[in-house]
Amino acid sequence: VQVIPHITNEIKDRIRLVAEESMADLVIVEIGGTVGDIESLPFLEAIRQFKSDVGRDDVMYLHV
């Protein structure tokens, strides 16, 4: 198993699954942790890829 693409694809698939099963117009996903931590890198890469997959008009990032 490789981090990219196996783990990042699984993260993206789970986000898509929530959206499809709930039939929601909007899905809010929290990416926790610190940006510099190595543990959060697969999640940050997955959401970066997700924007390319679904199109930039359908994704918004909010940093708090």
PDB file of N, CA and C in Angstrom:
ATOM      1  N   VAL A   1       0.855  -1.181   0.000  1.00  0.00           N
ATOM      2  CA  VAL A   1       0.000   0.000   0.000  1.00  0.00           C
ATOM      3  C   VAL A   1       0.892   1.232   0.000  1.00  0.00           C
ATOM      4  N   GLN A   2       0.593   2.130  -0.910  1.00  0.00           N
ATOM      5  CA  GLN A   2       1.324   3.388  -0.990  1.00  0.00           C
ATOM      6  C   GLN A   2       0.413   4.524  -0.534  1.00  0.00           C
ATOM      7  N   VAL A   3       1.034   5.542   0.049  1.00  0.00           N
ATOM      8  CA  VAL A   3       0.249   6.699   0.495  1.00  0.00           C
ATOM      9  C   VAL A   3      -0.462   7.326  -0.697  1.00  0.00           C
ATOM     10  N   ILE A   4       0.311   7.542  -1.764  1.00  0.00           N
ATOM     11  CA  ILE A   4      -0.260   8.062  -3.003  1.00  0.00           C
ATOM     12  C   ILE A   4      -0.082   6.977  -4.049  1.00  0.00           C
ATOM     13  N   PRO A   5      -1.106   6.423  -4.603  1.00  0.00           N
ATOM     14  CA  PRO A   5      -2.493   6.873  -4.642  1.00  0.00           C
ATOM     15  C   PRO A   5      -3.449   6.131  -3.698  1.00  0.00           C
ATOM     16  N   HIS A   6      -3.032   5.044  -3.078  1.00  0.00           N
ATOM     17  CA  HIS A   6      -3.977   4.185  -2.364  1.00  0.00           C
ATOM     18  C   HIS A   6      -4.691   4.880  -1.209  1.00  0.00           C
ATOM     19  N   ILE A   7      -3.959   5.494  -0.315  1.00  0.00           N
ATOM     20  CA  ILE A   7      -4.585   6.123   0.856  1.00  0.00           C
ATOM     21  C   ILE A   7      -5.334   7.388   0.454  1.00  0.00           C
ATOM     22  N   THR A   8      -4.742   8.197  -0.397  1.00  0.00           N
ATOM     23  CA  THR A   8      -5.428   9.426  -0.814  1.00  0.00           C
ATOM     24  C   THR A   8      -6.707   9.107  -1.588  1.00  0.00           C
ATOM     25  N   ASN A   9      -6.690   8.068  -2.401  1.00  0.00           N
ATOM     26  CA  ASN A   9      -7.904   7.678  -3.125  1.00  0.00           C
ATOM     27  C   ASN A   9      -8.992   7.222  -2.164  1.00  0.00           C
ATOM     28  N   GLU A  10      -8.618   6.508  -1.119  1.00  0.00           N
ATOM     29  CA  GLU A  10      -9.599   6.059  -0.127  1.00  0.00           C
ATOM     30  C   GLU A  10     -10.221   7.250   0.599  1.00  0.00           C
ATOM     31  N   ILE A  11      -9.424   8.239   0.929  1.00  0.00           N
ATOM     32  CA  ILE A  11      -9.946   9.444   1.586  1.00  0.00           C
ATOM     33  C   ILE A  11     -10.946  10.143   0.668  1.00  0.00           C
ATOM     34  N   LYS A  12     -10.584  10.307  -0.595  1.00  0.00           N
ATOM     35  CA  LYS A  12     -11.483  10.959  -1.554  1.00  0.00           C
ATOM     36  C   LYS A  12     -12.756  10.152  -1.756  1.00  0.00           C
ATOM     37  N   ASP A  13     -12.634   8.837  -1.817  1.00  0.00           N
ATOM     38  CA  ASP A  13     -13.810   7.978  -1.990  1.00  0.00           C
ATOM     39  C   ASP A  13     -14.777   8.109  -0.829  1.00  0.00           C
ATOM     40  N   ARG A  14     -14.258   8.220   0.369  1.00  0.00           N
ATOM     41  CA  ARG A  14     -15.132   8.356   1.545  1.00  0.00           C
ATOM     42  C   ARG A  14     -15.851   9.699   1.556  1.00  0.00           C
ATOM     43  N   ILE A  15     -15.186  10.744   1.102  1.00  0.00           N
ATOM     44  CA  ILE A  15     -15.846  12.049   0.999  1.00  0.00           C
ATOM     45  C   ILE A  15     -16.970  11.973  -0.033  1.00  0.00           C
ATOM     46  N   ARG A  16     -16.680  11.371  -1.191  1.00  0.00           N
ATOM     47  CA  ARG A  16     -17.701  11.210  -2.231  1.00  0.00           C
ATOM     48  C   ARG A  16     -18.880  10.374  -1.736  1.00  0.00           C
ATOM     49  N   LEU A  17     -18.589   9.308  -1.001  1.00  0.00           N
ATOM     50  CA  LEU A  17     -19.629   8.420  -0.490  1.00  0.00           C
ATOM     51  C   LEU A  17     -20.588   9.165   0.439  1.00  0.00           C
ATOM     52  N   VAL A  18     -20.050   9.990   1.310  1.00  0.00           N
ATOM     53  CA  VAL A  18     -20.899  10.793   2.205  1.00  0.00           C
ATOM     54  C   VAL A  18     -21.811  11.703   1.387  1.00  0.00           C
ATOM     55  N   ALA A  19     -21.258  12.350   0.385  1.00  0.00           N
ATOM     56  CA  ALA A  19     -22.048  13.263  -0.443  1.00  0.00           C
ATOM     57  C   ALA A  19     -23.137  12.517  -1.203  1.00  0.00           C
ATOM     58  N   GLU A  20     -22.802  11.361  -1.770  1.00  0.00           N
ATOM     59  CA  GLU A  20     -23.773  10.602  -2.557  1.00  0.00           C
ATOM     60  C   GLU A  20     -24.864   9.993  -1.688  1.00  0.00           C
ATOM     61  N   GLU A  21     -24.490   9.388  -0.573  1.00  0.00           N
ATOM     62  CA  GLU A  21     -25.477   8.712   0.270  1.00  0.00           C
ATOM     63  C   GLU A  21     -26.414   9.693   0.968  1.00  0.00           C
ATOM     64  N   SER A  22     -25.909  10.856   1.322  1.00  0.00           N
ATOM     65  CA  SER A  22     -26.748  11.835   2.015  1.00  0.00           C
ATOM     66  C   SER A  22     -27.527  12.714   1.040  1.00  0.00           C
ATOM     67  N   MET A  23     -27.137  12.683  -0.236  1.00  0.00           N
ATOM     68  CA  MET A  23     -27.735  13.534  -1.267  1.00  0.00           C
ATOM     69  C   MET A  23     -27.675  15.009  -0.861  1.00  0.00           C
ATOM     70  N   ALA A  24     -26.623  15.371  -0.167  1.00  0.00           N
ATOM     71  CA  ALA A  24     -26.464  16.738   0.326  1.00  0.00           C
ATOM     72  C   ALA A  24     -25.998  17.669  -0.788  1.00  0.00           C
ATOM     73  N   ASP A  25     -26.399  18.914  -0.682  1.00  0.00           N
ATOM     74  CA  ASP A  25     -25.907  19.939  -1.594  1.00  0.00           C
ATOM     75  C   ASP A  25     -24.542  20.446  -1.161  1.00  0.00           C
ATOM     76  N   LEU A  26     -24.247  20.277   0.127  1.00  0.00           N
ATOM     77  CA  LEU A  26     -23.003  20.776   0.698  1.00  0.00           C
ATOM     78  C   LEU A  26     -22.481  19.770   1.716  1.00  0.00           C
ATOM     79  N   VAL A  27     -21.205  19.458   1.626  1.00  0.00           N
ATOM     80  CA  VAL A  27     -20.562  18.567   2.591  1.00  0.00           C
ATOM     81  C   VAL A  27     -19.395  19.326   3.206  1.00  0.00           C
ATOM     82  N   ILE A  28     -19.369  19.388   4.525  1.00  0.00           N
ATOM     83  CA  ILE A  28     -18.272  20.046   5.228  1.00  0.00           C
ATOM     84  C   ILE A  28     -17.370  18.964   5.800  1.00  0.00           C
ATOM     85  N   VAL A  29     -16.098  19.014   5.443  1.00  0.00           N
ATOM     86  CA  VAL A  29     -15.120  18.031   5.898  1.00  0.00           C
ATOM     87  C   VAL A  29     -14.026  18.768   6.648  1.00  0.00           C
ATOM     88  N   GLU A  30     -13.802  18.364   7.880  1.00  0.00           N
ATOM     89  CA  GLU A  30     -12.737  18.974   8.675  1.00  0.00           C
ATOM     90  C   GLU A  30     -11.462  18.156   8.519  1.00  0.00           C
ATOM     91  N   ILE A  31     -10.393  18.831   8.143  1.00  0.00           N
ATOM     92  CA  ILE A  31      -9.075  18.211   8.085  1.00  0.00           C
ATOM     93  C   ILE A  31      -8.332  18.719   9.309  1.00  0.00           C
ATOM     94  N   GLY A  32      -8.218  17.887  10.323  1.00  0.00           N
ATOM     95  CA  GLY A  32      -7.617  18.313  11.580  1.00  0.00           C
ATOM     96  C   GLY A  32      -6.108  18.189  11.570  1.00  0.00           C
ATOM     97  N   GLY A  33      -5.519  18.618  12.649  1.00  0.00           N
ATOM     98  CA  GLY A  33      -4.077  18.511  12.799  1.00  0.00           C
ATOM     99  C   GLY A  33      -3.364  19.788  12.417  1.00  0.00           C
ATOM    100  N   THR A  34      -2.069  19.704  12.437  1.00  0.00           N
ATOM    101  CA  THR A  34      -1.214  20.828  12.089  1.00  0.00           C
ATOM    102  C   THR A  34      -0.669  20.598  10.689  1.00  0.00           C
ATOM    103  N   VAL A  35      -0.668  21.630   9.884  1.00  0.00           N
ATOM    104  CA  VAL A  35      -0.255  21.496   8.490  1.00  0.00           C
ATOM    105  C   VAL A  35       1.147  20.915   8.372  1.00  0.00           C
ATOM    106  N   GLY A  36       2.027  21.227   9.286  1.00  0.00           N
ATOM    107  CA  GLY A  36       3.397  20.738   9.211  1.00  0.00           C
ATOM    108  C   GLY A  36       3.591  19.297   9.644  1.00  0.00           C
ATOM    109  N   ASP A  37       2.596  18.699  10.285  1.00  0.00           N
ATOM    110  CA  ASP A  37       2.734  17.322  10.765  1.00  0.00           C
ATOM    111  C   ASP A  37       2.653  16.338   9.609  1.00  0.00           C
ATOM    112  N   ILE A  38       3.525  15.365   9.618  1.00  0.00           N
ATOM    113  CA  ILE A  38       3.564  14.377   8.546  1.00  0.00           C
ATOM    114  C   ILE A  38       2.294  13.530   8.506  1.00  0.00           C
ATOM    115  N   GLU A  39       1.629  13.371   9.650  1.00  0.00           N
ATOM    116  CA  GLU A  39       0.418  12.560   9.700  1.00  0.00           C
ATOM    117  C   GLU A  39      -0.727  13.168   8.896  1.00  0.00           C
ATOM    118  N   SER A  40      -0.747  14.480   8.743  1.00  0.00           N
ATOM    119  CA  SER A  40      -1.840  15.131   8.023  1.00  0.00           C
ATOM    120  C   SER A  40      -1.593  15.220   6.517  1.00  0.00           C
ATOM    121  N   LEU A  41      -0.391  14.914   6.068  1.00  0.00           N
ATOM    122  CA  LEU A  41      -0.058  15.070   4.650  1.00  0.00           C
ATOM    123  C   LEU A  41      -0.954  14.272   3.705  1.00  0.00           C
ATOM    124  N   PRO A  42      -1.293  13.011   3.996  1.00  0.00           N
ATOM    125  CA  PRO A  42      -2.193  12.297   3.073  1.00  0.00           C
ATOM    126  C   PRO A  42      -3.559  12.980   2.937  1.00  0.00           C
ATOM    127  N   PHE A  43      -4.059  13.555   4.023  1.00  0.00           N
ATOM    128  CA  PHE A  43      -5.353  14.231   3.980  1.00  0.00           C
ATOM    129  C   PHE A  43      -5.270  15.523   3.181  1.00  0.00           C
ATOM    130  N   LEU A  44      -4.200  16.275   3.375  1.00  0.00           N
ATOM    131  CA  LEU A  44      -4.020  17.514   2.617  1.00  0.00           C
ATOM    132  C   LEU A  44      -3.833  17.223   1.134  1.00  0.00           C
ATOM    133  N   GLU A  45      -3.097  16.179   0.811  1.00  0.00           N
ATOM    134  CA  GLU A  45      -2.918  15.790  -0.591  1.00  0.00           C
ATOM    135  C   GLU A  45      -4.234  15.320  -1.193  1.00  0.00           C
ATOM    136  N   ALA A  46      -5.023  14.587  -0.418  1.00  0.00           N
ATOM    137  CA  ALA A  46      -6.313  14.095  -0.917  1.00  0.00           C
ATOM    138  C   ALA A  46      -7.249  15.249  -1.256  1.00  0.00           C
ATOM    139  N   ILE A  47      -7.323  16.261  -0.392  1.00  0.00           N
ATOM    140  CA  ILE A  47      -8.230  17.369  -0.709  1.00  0.00           C
ATOM    141  C   ILE A  47      -7.681  18.228  -1.846  1.00  0.00           C
ATOM    142  N   ARG A  48      -6.362  18.266  -1.987  1.00  0.00           N
ATOM    143  CA  ARG A  48      -5.781  18.966  -3.141  1.00  0.00           C
ATOM    144  C   ARG A  48      -6.198  18.265  -4.427  1.00  0.00           C
ATOM    145  N   GLN A  49      -6.085  16.928  -4.446  1.00  0.00           N
ATOM    146  CA  GLN A  49      -6.487  16.143  -5.611  1.00  0.00           C
ATOM    147  C   GLN A  49      -7.993  16.231  -5.853  1.00  0.00           C
ATOM    148  N   PHE A  50      -8.757  16.266  -4.768  1.00  0.00           N
ATOM    149  CA  PHE A  50     -10.215  16.299  -4.867  1.00  0.00           C
ATOM    150  C   PHE A  50     -10.683  17.505  -5.677  1.00  0.00           C
ATOM    151  N   LYS A  51     -10.025  18.627  -5.480  1.00  0.00           N
ATOM    152  CA  LYS A  51     -10.374  19.836  -6.226  1.00  0.00           C
ATOM    153  C   LYS A  51     -10.177  19.623  -7.724  1.00  0.00           C
ATOM    154  N   SER A  52      -9.124  18.924  -8.101  1.00  0.00           N
ATOM    155  CA  SER A  52      -8.888  18.624  -9.513  1.00  0.00           C
ATOM    156  C   SER A  52      -9.905  17.620 -10.043  1.00  0.00           C
ATOM    157  N   ASP A  53     -10.277  16.668  -9.201  1.00  0.00           N
ATOM    158  CA  ASP A  53     -11.204  15.612  -9.620  1.00  0.00           C
ATOM    159  C   ASP A  53     -12.611  16.139  -9.880  1.00  0.00           C
ATOM    160  N   VAL A  54     -13.128  16.966  -8.982  1.00  0.00           N
ATOM    161  CA  VAL A  54     -14.523  17.406  -9.098  1.00  0.00           C
ATOM    162  C   VAL A  54     -14.665  18.779  -9.739  1.00  0.00           C
ATOM    163  N   GLY A  55     -13.575  19.505  -9.858  1.00  0.00           N
ATOM    164  CA  GLY A  55     -13.614  20.824 -10.482  1.00  0.00           C
ATOM    165  C   GLY A  55     -13.559  21.935  -9.451  1.00  0.00           C
ATOM    166  N   ARG A  56     -12.842  22.962  -9.791  1.00  0.00           N
ATOM    167  CA  ARG A  56     -12.610  24.039  -8.832  1.00  0.00           C
ATOM    168  C   ARG A  56     -13.869  24.828  -8.492  1.00  0.00           C
ATOM    169  N   ASP A  57     -14.893  24.763  -9.337  1.00  0.00           N
ATOM    170  CA  ASP A  57     -16.140  25.472  -9.043  1.00  0.00           C
ATOM    171  C   ASP A  57     -16.978  24.761  -7.981  1.00  0.00           C
ATOM    172  N   ASP A  58     -16.634  23.520  -7.660  1.00  0.00           N
ATOM    173  CA  ASP A  58     -17.413  22.735  -6.702  1.00  0.00           C
ATOM    174  C   ASP A  58     -16.674  22.450  -5.401  1.00  0.00           C
ATOM    175  N   VAL A  59     -15.538  23.111  -5.178  1.00  0.00           N
ATOM    176  CA  VAL A  59     -14.756  22.893  -3.958  1.00  0.00           C
ATOM    177  C   VAL A  59     -14.363  24.249  -3.381  1.00  0.00           C
ATOM    178  N   MET A  60     -14.450  24.354  -2.057  1.00  0.00           N
ATOM    179  CA  MET A  60     -14.006  25.569  -1.387  1.00  0.00           C
ATOM    180  C   MET A  60     -13.222  25.163  -0.148  1.00  0.00           C
ATOM    181  N   TYR A  61     -12.096  25.795   0.071  1.00  0.00           N
ATOM    182  CA  TYR A  61     -11.299  25.551   1.272  1.00  0.00           C
ATOM    183  C   TYR A  61     -11.475  26.733   2.210  1.00  0.00           C
ATOM    184  N   LEU A  62     -11.636  26.430   3.488  1.00  0.00           N
ATOM    185  CA  LEU A  62     -11.754  27.467   4.509  1.00  0.00           C
ATOM    186  C   LEU A  62     -10.758  27.140   5.602  1.00  0.00           C
ATOM    187  N   HIS A  63      -9.783  28.002   5.790  1.00  0.00           N
ATOM    188  CA  HIS A  63      -8.752  27.788   6.804  1.00  0.00           C
ATOM    189  C   HIS A  63      -9.107  28.604   8.043  1.00  0.00           C
ATOM    190  N   VAL A  64      -9.151  27.926   9.183  1.00  0.00           N
ATOM    191  CA  VAL A  64      -9.529  28.599  10.431  1.00  0.00           C
ATOM    192  C   VAL A  64      -8.370  28.536  11.395  1.00  0.00           C
TER     193      VAL A  64
END
